[in-house]
């Protein structure tokens, strides 16, 4: 009898993370709902039909990450899929009631808050790397492991270098550059794991209407989660080293 897959989704108490966790649990998968705030994670897990379990996980806290990894080791003995989804886009936009256009004006390379850059990169870049390092030993114990890093099209250097790209003028050192850095770190993961059976993929959920962008996105969480879920469900013969938006739609690095 095939073992139930064990999947960890970080930042899964809301938005794309919650939708991904919901859809994966519907596939008879045990989903660990990673949440910085355990109470919110527990509330989110209650809304999911299937085997969904809240897991306290603050990707900026090494002790929290280590405790989460130890719990997974004790309860399951392995991890089959890691979905690095936890991310923040800013620390000033919502607090100051700014639109995306207004926020873009104070997020240029010349005037971006270095404190804000550090805060966003701490979650989106260093957090993803820290979780990868902690969970890799557990992934190595799976017979079919996969890492799905949730990135963004605004992190594509090739795309953003094109003046015709609709979000060309929005590229800055805070959120967009953090996703470009995540892509670079993901490439390092891909190269490190080339000789193993562990697959690594990058996925962009698109401009999804979530708290990440103050709900100014243009796509639903269902559409935004579709490719993340598809890639997370790929089997051992599925591809590695891809950066996609939709099935068969690659994003330039």
C-alpha atoms as a PDB file:
ATOM      1  CA  UNK A   1       0.000   0.000   0.000  1.00  0.00           C
ATOM      2  CA  UNK A   2       1.386   3.383  -1.031  1.00  0.00           C
ATOM      3  CA  UNK A   3       2.456   5.634   1.830  1.00  0.00           C
ATOM      4  CA  UNK A   4       0.622   8.903   2.346  1.00  0.00           C
ATOM      5  CA  UNK A   5       2.670  11.802   1.041  1.00  0.00           C
ATOM      6  CA  UNK A   6       3.857  14.330   3.649  1.00  0.00           C
ATOM      7  CA  UNK A   7       3.906  17.918   2.417  1.00  0.00           C
ATOM      8  CA  UNK A   8       4.982  21.063   4.243  1.00  0.00           C
ATOM      9  CA  UNK A   9       3.636  24.401   2.988  1.00  0.00           C
ATOM     10  CA  UNK A  10       5.162  27.453   4.655  1.00  0.00           C
ATOM     11  CA  UNK A  11       3.053  30.568   5.112  1.00  0.00           C
ATOM     12  CA  UNK A  12      -0.060  28.423   4.711  1.00  0.00           C
ATOM     13  CA  UNK A  13      -2.481  30.182   7.043  1.00  0.00           C
ATOM     14  CA  UNK A  14      -3.729  32.537   4.296  1.00  0.00           C
ATOM     15  CA  UNK A  15      -3.631  33.405   0.608  1.00  0.00           C
ATOM     16  CA  UNK A  16      -1.920  31.161  -1.911  1.00  0.00           C
ATOM     17  CA  UNK A  17      -0.391  29.020   0.832  1.00  0.00           C
ATOM     18  CA  UNK A  18      -3.779  28.200   2.323  1.00  0.00           C
ATOM     19  CA  UNK A  19      -5.264  27.434  -1.092  1.00  0.00           C
ATOM     20  CA  UNK A  20      -2.336  25.163  -1.959  1.00  0.00           C
ATOM     21  CA  UNK A  21      -2.682  23.350   1.375  1.00  0.00           C
ATOM     22  CA  UNK A  22      -6.428  22.959   0.821  1.00  0.00           C
ATOM     23  CA  UNK A  23      -6.034  21.491  -2.664  1.00  0.00           C
ATOM     24  CA  UNK A  24      -3.227  19.135  -1.653  1.00  0.00           C
ATOM     25  CA  UNK A  25      -5.172  17.840   1.367  1.00  0.00           C
ATOM     26  CA  UNK A  26      -8.036  17.030  -1.000  1.00  0.00           C
ATOM     27  CA  UNK A  27      -5.650  14.620  -2.755  1.00  0.00           C
ATOM     28  CA  UNK A  28      -5.356  12.432   0.366  1.00  0.00           C
ATOM     29  CA  UNK A  29      -2.041  14.031   1.285  1.00  0.00           C
ATOM     30  CA  UNK A  30      -0.989  14.902   4.828  1.00  0.00           C
ATOM     31  CA  UNK A  31      -0.412  18.647   4.726  1.00  0.00           C
ATOM     32  CA  UNK A  32       1.539  20.513   7.368  1.00  0.00           C
ATOM     33  CA  UNK A  33       0.142  24.039   7.531  1.00  0.00           C
ATOM     34  CA  UNK A  34       3.197  26.113   8.346  1.00  0.00           C
ATOM     35  CA  UNK A  35       2.291  29.324  10.133  1.00  0.00           C
ATOM     36  CA  UNK A  36       4.325  31.877  12.078  1.00  0.00           C
ATOM     37  CA  UNK A  37       1.383  32.261  14.443  1.00  0.00           C
ATOM     38  CA  UNK A  38       0.280  28.818  15.634  1.00  0.00           C
ATOM     39  CA  UNK A  39      -3.259  29.929  16.527  1.00  0.00           C
ATOM     40  CA  UNK A  40      -3.808  31.249  12.994  1.00  0.00           C
ATOM     41  CA  UNK A  41      -2.368  28.052  11.594  1.00  0.00           C
ATOM     42  CA  UNK A  42      -4.766  25.987  13.689  1.00  0.00           C
ATOM     43  CA  UNK A  43      -7.725  28.083  12.534  1.00  0.00           C
ATOM     44  CA  UNK A  44      -6.632  27.667   8.914  1.00  0.00           C
ATOM     45  CA  UNK A  45      -6.183  23.908   9.306  1.00  0.00           C
ATOM     46  CA  UNK A  46      -9.764  23.645  10.614  1.00  0.00           C
ATOM     47  CA  UNK A  47     -11.070  25.041   7.321  1.00  0.00           C
ATOM     48  CA  UNK A  48      -9.308  22.342   5.289  1.00  0.00           C
ATOM     49  CA  UNK A  49     -11.025  19.059   4.508  1.00  0.00           C
ATOM     50  CA  UNK A  50      -8.590  16.197   4.876  1.00  0.00           C
ATOM     51  CA  UNK A  51      -5.459  15.631   6.907  1.00  0.00           C
ATOM     52  CA  UNK A  52      -4.197  19.152   7.576  1.00  0.00           C
ATOM     53  CA  UNK A  53      -2.102  19.830  10.670  1.00  0.00           C
ATOM     54  CA  UNK A  54      -0.921  23.200  11.930  1.00  0.00           C
ATOM     55  CA  UNK A  55       2.819  23.566  12.392  1.00  0.00           C
ATOM     56  CA  UNK A  56       4.367  26.565  14.107  1.00  0.00           C
ATOM     57  CA  UNK A  57       7.039  27.781  11.710  1.00  0.00           C
ATOM     58  CA  UNK A  58       8.541  31.248  11.581  1.00  0.00           C
ATOM     59  CA  UNK A  59      10.969  31.198   8.656  1.00  0.00           C
ATOM     60  CA  UNK A  60      12.937  34.069  10.212  1.00  0.00           C
ATOM     61  CA  UNK A  61      13.483  32.201  13.490  1.00  0.00           C
ATOM     62  CA  UNK A  62      16.090  29.435  13.463  1.00  0.00           C
ATOM     63  CA  UNK A  63      14.794  27.898  16.685  1.00  0.00           C
ATOM     64  CA  UNK A  64      11.282  27.739  15.227  1.00  0.00           C
ATOM     65  CA  UNK A  65      12.583  26.106  12.052  1.00  0.00           C
ATOM     66  CA  UNK A  66      14.628  23.563  13.999  1.00  0.00           C
ATOM     67  CA  UNK A  67      11.643  22.696  16.211  1.00  0.00           C
ATOM     68  CA  UNK A  68       9.426  22.225  13.155  1.00  0.00           C
ATOM     69  CA  UNK A  69      11.966  19.928  11.516  1.00  0.00           C
ATOM     70  CA  UNK A  70      12.269  17.889  14.713  1.00  0.00           C
ATOM     71  CA  UNK A  71       8.507  17.509  14.981  1.00  0.00           C
ATOM     72  CA  UNK A  72       8.312  16.278  11.382  1.00  0.00           C
ATOM     73  CA  UNK A  73      11.135  13.822  12.036  1.00  0.00           C
ATOM     74  CA  UNK A  74       9.465  12.430  15.148  1.00  0.00           C
ATOM     75  CA  UNK A  75       5.939  12.210  13.709  1.00  0.00           C
ATOM     76  CA  UNK A  76       6.637  11.134  10.145  1.00  0.00           C
ATOM     77  CA  UNK A  77      10.307  10.226   9.806  1.00  0.00           C
ATOM     78  CA  UNK A  78      10.609  12.036   6.486  1.00  0.00           C
ATOM     79  CA  UNK A  79       9.292  14.860   4.289  1.00  0.00           C
ATOM     80  CA  UNK A  80       8.181  14.279   0.693  1.00  0.00           C
ATOM     81  CA  UNK A  81       7.471  17.795  -0.556  1.00  0.00           C
ATOM     82  CA  UNK A  82       8.554  21.205   0.681  1.00  0.00           C
ATOM     83  CA  UNK A  83       6.606  24.184  -0.654  1.00  0.00           C
ATOM     84  CA  UNK A  84       8.548  27.319   0.265  1.00  0.00           C
ATOM     85  CA  UNK A  85       5.675  29.774   0.028  1.00  0.00           C
ATOM     86  CA  UNK A  86       6.106  32.145   3.006  1.00  0.00           C
ATOM     87  CA  UNK A  87       6.804  35.671   1.814  1.00  0.00           C
ATOM     88  CA  UNK A  88       6.172  39.329   2.527  1.00  0.00           C
ATOM     89  CA  UNK A  89       6.237  42.143  -0.006  1.00  0.00           C
ATOM     90  CA  UNK A  90       6.778  45.231   2.150  1.00  0.00           C
ATOM     91  CA  UNK A  91       6.626  46.712   5.608  1.00  0.00           C
ATOM     92  CA  UNK A  92       5.369  50.207   4.730  1.00  0.00           C
ATOM     93  CA  UNK A  93       2.724  49.995   2.012  1.00  0.00           C
ATOM     94  CA  UNK A  94      -0.271  48.837   4.027  1.00  0.00           C
ATOM     95  CA  UNK A  95       0.792  50.669   7.169  1.00  0.00           C
ATOM     96  CA  UNK A  96       0.825  53.941   5.268  1.00  0.00           C
ATOM     97  CA  UNK A  97      -2.267  53.218   3.193  1.00  0.00           C
ATOM     98  CA  UNK A  98      -0.392  53.426  -0.110  1.00  0.00           C
ATOM     99  CA  UNK A  99      -1.453  52.065  -3.495  1.00  0.00           C
ATOM    100  CA  UNK A 100       1.022  50.000  -5.494  1.00  0.00           C
ATOM    101  CA  UNK A 101       1.760  53.024  -7.671  1.00  0.00           C
ATOM    102  CA  UNK A 102       2.393  55.243  -4.644  1.00  0.00           C
ATOM    103  CA  UNK A 103       4.515  52.617  -2.947  1.00  0.00           C
ATOM    104  CA  UNK A 104       6.606  52.117  -6.084  1.00  0.00           C
ATOM    105  CA  UNK A 105       7.720  55.757  -5.847  1.00  0.00           C
ATOM    106  CA  UNK A 106       9.325  55.170  -2.441  1.00  0.00           C
ATOM    107  CA  UNK A 107      10.759  51.776  -3.377  1.00  0.00           C
ATOM    108  CA  UNK A 108      13.306  52.829  -5.964  1.00  0.00           C
ATOM    109  CA  UNK A 109      16.967  51.918  -5.756  1.00  0.00           C
ATOM    110  CA  UNK A 110      17.689  55.528  -4.799  1.00  0.00           C
ATOM    111  CA  UNK A 111      15.226  55.856  -1.929  1.00  0.00           C
ATOM    112  CA  UNK A 112      14.248  52.368  -0.724  1.00  0.00           C
ATOM    113  CA  UNK A 113      14.410  51.874   3.033  1.00  0.00           C
ATOM    114  CA  UNK A 114      17.352  49.597   3.795  1.00  0.00           C
ATOM    115  CA  UNK A 115      15.517  48.382   6.892  1.00  0.00           C
ATOM    116  CA  UNK A 116      12.596  47.373   4.685  1.00  0.00           C
ATOM    117  CA  UNK A 117      14.913  45.661   2.193  1.00  0.00           C
ATOM    118  CA  UNK A 118      16.448  43.650   5.030  1.00  0.00           C
ATOM    119  CA  UNK A 119      13.049  42.710   6.489  1.00  0.00           C
ATOM    120  CA  UNK A 120      11.652  41.473   3.165  1.00  0.00           C
ATOM    121  CA  UNK A 121      14.831  39.625   2.222  1.00  0.00           C
ATOM    122  CA  UNK A 122      14.953  38.039   5.689  1.00  0.00           C
ATOM    123  CA  UNK A 123      11.687  36.232   4.936  1.00  0.00           C
ATOM    124  CA  UNK A 124      11.796  35.762   1.168  1.00  0.00           C
ATOM    125  CA  UNK A 125      15.457  34.858   0.721  1.00  0.00           C
ATOM    126  CA  UNK A 126      17.180  33.893   3.956  1.00  0.00           C
ATOM    127  CA  UNK A 127      14.009  32.291   5.316  1.00  0.00           C
ATOM    128  CA  UNK A 128      13.603  30.048   2.289  1.00  0.00           C
ATOM    129  CA  UNK A 129      17.264  29.038   2.463  1.00  0.00           C
ATOM    130  CA  UNK A 130      17.080  28.347   6.210  1.00  0.00           C
ATOM    131  CA  UNK A 131      14.014  26.133   5.790  1.00  0.00           C
ATOM    132  CA  UNK A 132      15.710  24.300   2.908  1.00  0.00           C
ATOM    133  CA  UNK A 133      18.779  23.599   5.029  1.00  0.00           C
ATOM    134  CA  UNK A 134      16.701  22.303   7.944  1.00  0.00           C
ATOM    135  CA  UNK A 135      14.340  20.166   5.863  1.00  0.00           C
ATOM    136  CA  UNK A 136      16.856  18.703   3.406  1.00  0.00           C
ATOM    137  CA  UNK A 137      17.862  15.798   5.708  1.00  0.00           C
ATOM    138  CA  UNK A 138      14.160  14.849   5.932  1.00  0.00           C
ATOM    139  CA  UNK A 139      13.686  15.165   2.174  1.00  0.00           C
ATOM    140  CA  UNK A 140      16.651  12.864   1.629  1.00  0.00           C
ATOM    141  CA  UNK A 141      14.719  10.160   3.518  1.00  0.00           C
ATOM    142  CA  UNK A 142      11.882  10.270   0.960  1.00  0.00           C
ATOM    143  CA  UNK A 143      11.842   7.972  -2.055  1.00  0.00           C
ATOM    144  CA  UNK A 144      10.331  10.761  -4.160  1.00  0.00           C
ATOM    145  CA  UNK A 145      11.127  14.240  -2.834  1.00  0.00           C
ATOM    146  CA  UNK A 146      10.449  17.611  -4.397  1.00  0.00           C
ATOM    147  CA  UNK A 147      11.025  21.237  -3.449  1.00  0.00           C
ATOM    148  CA  UNK A 148       8.720  23.894  -4.871  1.00  0.00           C
ATOM    149  CA  UNK A 149       9.878  27.462  -4.297  1.00  0.00           C
ATOM    150  CA  UNK A 150       7.130  30.009  -4.876  1.00  0.00           C
ATOM    151  CA  UNK A 151       8.720  32.922  -6.714  1.00  0.00           C
ATOM    152  CA  UNK A 152       7.271  35.638  -8.934  1.00  0.00           C
ATOM    153  CA  UNK A 153       7.473  36.836 -12.509  1.00  0.00           C
ATOM    154  CA  UNK A 154       8.691  40.174 -11.131  1.00  0.00           C
ATOM    155  CA  UNK A 155      11.829  38.324 -10.050  1.00  0.00           C
ATOM    156  CA  UNK A 156      12.726  37.422 -13.625  1.00  0.00           C
ATOM    157  CA  UNK A 157      15.734  39.554 -14.586  1.00  0.00           C
ATOM    158  CA  UNK A 158      15.318  38.830 -18.281  1.00  0.00           C
ATOM    159  CA  UNK A 159      11.640  39.809 -18.254  1.00  0.00           C
ATOM    160  CA  UNK A 160      12.085  42.955 -16.200  1.00  0.00           C
ATOM    161  CA  UNK A 161      15.000  44.155 -18.316  1.00  0.00           C
ATOM    162  CA  UNK A 162      12.540  44.518 -21.194  1.00  0.00           C
ATOM    163  CA  UNK A 163      11.026  48.055 -21.213  1.00  0.00           C
ATOM    164  CA  UNK A 164       7.870  46.604 -22.798  1.00  0.00           C
ATOM    165  CA  UNK A 165       7.146  44.456 -19.733  1.00  0.00           C
ATOM    166  CA  UNK A 166       4.062  45.938 -17.985  1.00  0.00           C
ATOM    167  CA  UNK A 167       5.768  45.898 -14.566  1.00  0.00           C
ATOM    168  CA  UNK A 168       9.159  47.088 -15.837  1.00  0.00           C
ATOM    169  CA  UNK A 169       8.965  50.388 -13.948  1.00  0.00           C
ATOM    170  CA  UNK A 170       7.937  48.633 -10.734  1.00  0.00           C
ATOM    171  CA  UNK A 171      11.176  46.682 -10.466  1.00  0.00           C
ATOM    172  CA  UNK A 172      13.030  47.651  -7.300  1.00  0.00           C
ATOM    173  CA  UNK A 173      15.378  46.355  -4.622  1.00  0.00           C
ATOM    174  CA  UNK A 174      12.716  45.297  -2.117  1.00  0.00           C
ATOM    175  CA  UNK A 175      10.213  42.631  -3.232  1.00  0.00           C
ATOM    176  CA  UNK A 176      11.155  42.126  -6.914  1.00  0.00           C
ATOM    177  CA  UNK A 177      14.871  41.851  -6.186  1.00  0.00           C
ATOM    178  CA  UNK A 178      14.140  39.500  -3.267  1.00  0.00           C
ATOM    179  CA  UNK A 179      12.452  37.141  -5.699  1.00  0.00           C
ATOM    180  CA  UNK A 180      15.372  37.432  -8.120  1.00  0.00           C
ATOM    181  CA  UNK A 181      17.626  36.474  -5.203  1.00  0.00           C
ATOM    182  CA  UNK A 182      15.321  33.565  -4.343  1.00  0.00           C
ATOM    183  CA  UNK A 183      15.644  32.393  -7.944  1.00  0.00           C
ATOM    184  CA  UNK A 184      19.421  32.547  -7.674  1.00  0.00           C
ATOM    185  CA  UNK A 185      19.412  30.565  -4.438  1.00  0.00           C
ATOM    186  CA  UNK A 186      17.013  28.058  -5.995  1.00  0.00           C
ATOM    187  CA  UNK A 187      19.496  27.560  -8.816  1.00  0.00           C
ATOM    188  CA  UNK A 188      22.123  26.766  -6.183  1.00  0.00           C
ATOM    189  CA  UNK A 189      19.745  24.170  -4.708  1.00  0.00           C
ATOM    190  CA  UNK A 190      19.118  22.691  -8.150  1.00  0.00           C
ATOM    191  CA  UNK A 191      22.834  22.367  -8.827  1.00  0.00           C
ATOM    192  CA  UNK A 192      23.536  20.894  -5.393  1.00  0.00           C
ATOM    193  CA  UNK A 193      20.854  18.234  -5.859  1.00  0.00           C
ATOM    194  CA  UNK A 194      21.577  17.348  -9.501  1.00  0.00           C
ATOM    195  CA  UNK A 195      23.113  14.003  -8.534  1.00  0.00           C
ATOM    196  CA  UNK A 196      20.220  13.085  -6.214  1.00  0.00           C
ATOM    197  CA  UNK A 197      16.624  12.149  -6.844  1.00  0.00           C
ATOM    198  CA  UNK A 198      15.332  15.334  -5.227  1.00  0.00           C
ATOM    199  CA  UNK A 199      13.605  17.608  -7.727  1.00  0.00           C
ATOM    200  CA  UNK A 200      13.555  21.404  -7.415  1.00  0.00           C
ATOM    201  CA  UNK A 201      11.158  23.744  -9.205  1.00  0.00           C
ATOM    202  CA  UNK A 202      10.306  27.440  -9.233  1.00  0.00           C
ATOM    203  CA  UNK A 203       6.713  28.555  -9.722  1.00  0.00           C
ATOM    204  CA  UNK A 204       5.095  31.971 -10.038  1.00  0.00           C
ATOM    205  CA  UNK A 205       1.473  32.300  -8.891  1.00  0.00           C
ATOM    206  CA  UNK A 206       1.098  35.484 -10.912  1.00  0.00           C
ATOM    207  CA  UNK A 207      -0.437  38.747  -9.717  1.00  0.00           C
ATOM    208  CA  UNK A 208      -2.846  37.093  -7.311  1.00  0.00           C
ATOM    209  CA  UNK A 209      -5.351  38.971  -5.169  1.00  0.00           C
ATOM    210  CA  UNK A 210      -3.922  38.350  -1.680  1.00  0.00           C
ATOM    211  CA  UNK A 211      -2.797  40.217   1.409  1.00  0.00           C
ATOM    212  CA  UNK A 212       0.708  40.242  -0.104  1.00  0.00           C
ATOM    213  CA  UNK A 213      -0.297  43.061  -2.469  1.00  0.00           C
ATOM    214  CA  UNK A 214      -3.113  44.577  -0.427  1.00  0.00           C
ATOM    215  CA  UNK A 215      -5.605  42.590  -2.520  1.00  0.00           C
ATOM    216  CA  UNK A 216      -4.789  44.694  -5.576  1.00  0.00           C
ATOM    217  CA  UNK A 217      -3.929  41.589  -7.593  1.00  0.00           C
ATOM    218  CA  UNK A 218      -5.906  40.681 -10.687  1.00  0.00           C
ATOM    219  CA  UNK A 219      -6.129  36.895 -10.352  1.00  0.00           C
ATOM    220  CA  UNK A 220      -7.921  34.636  -7.890  1.00  0.00           C
ATOM    221  CA  UNK A 221      -6.078  32.504  -5.345  1.00  0.00           C
ATOM    222  CA  UNK A 222      -7.475  29.469  -7.146  1.00  0.00           C
ATOM    223  CA  UNK A 223      -5.781  30.460 -10.397  1.00  0.00           C
ATOM    224  CA  UNK A 224      -2.661  31.587  -8.574  1.00  0.00           C
ATOM    225  CA  UNK A 225      -2.342  28.271  -6.766  1.00  0.00           C
ATOM    226  CA  UNK A 226      -2.975  26.033  -9.762  1.00  0.00           C
ATOM    227  CA  UNK A 227       0.588  25.717 -10.989  1.00  0.00           C
ATOM    228  CA  UNK A 228       2.029  25.390  -7.484  1.00  0.00           C
ATOM    229  CA  UNK A 229      -0.299  22.461  -6.829  1.00  0.00           C
ATOM    230  CA  UNK A 230       0.400  20.850 -10.217  1.00  0.00           C
ATOM    231  CA  UNK A 231       4.142  20.946  -9.693  1.00  0.00           C
ATOM    232  CA  UNK A 232       3.901  19.766  -6.077  1.00  0.00           C
ATOM    233  CA  UNK A 233       1.981  16.718  -7.301  1.00  0.00           C
ATOM    234  CA  UNK A 234       4.491  15.743  -9.997  1.00  0.00           C
ATOM    235  CA  UNK A 235       5.847  12.242  -9.589  1.00  0.00           C
ATOM    236  CA  UNK A 236       9.424  10.947  -9.752  1.00  0.00           C
ATOM    237  CA  UNK A 237       9.435  11.205 -13.539  1.00  0.00           C
ATOM    238  CA  UNK A 238       8.393  14.862 -13.441  1.00  0.00           C
ATOM    239  CA  UNK A 239      10.853  17.570 -14.474  1.00  0.00           C
ATOM    240  CA  UNK A 240      13.294  19.425 -12.272  1.00  0.00           C
ATOM    241  CA  UNK A 241      14.966  22.794 -12.734  1.00  0.00           C
ATOM    242  CA  UNK A 242      11.927  24.553 -14.205  1.00  0.00           C
ATOM    243  CA  UNK A 243      10.516  28.046 -13.661  1.00  0.00           C
ATOM    244  CA  UNK A 244       6.881  28.100 -14.747  1.00  0.00           C
ATOM    245  CA  UNK A 245       3.688  30.124 -14.559  1.00  0.00           C
ATOM    246  CA  UNK A 246       1.314  27.674 -16.206  1.00  0.00           C
ATOM    247  CA  UNK A 247       1.886  24.152 -17.437  1.00  0.00           C
ATOM    248  CA  UNK A 248       4.273  24.327 -20.406  1.00  0.00           C
ATOM    249  CA  UNK A 249       4.670  28.103 -19.919  1.00  0.00           C
ATOM    250  CA  UNK A 250       8.224  28.828 -18.835  1.00  0.00           C
ATOM    251  CA  UNK A 251       9.382  32.101 -17.287  1.00  0.00           C
ATOM    252  CA  UNK A 252      12.824  33.440 -18.295  1.00  0.00           C
ATOM    253  CA  UNK A 253      15.326  33.509 -15.456  1.00  0.00           C
END
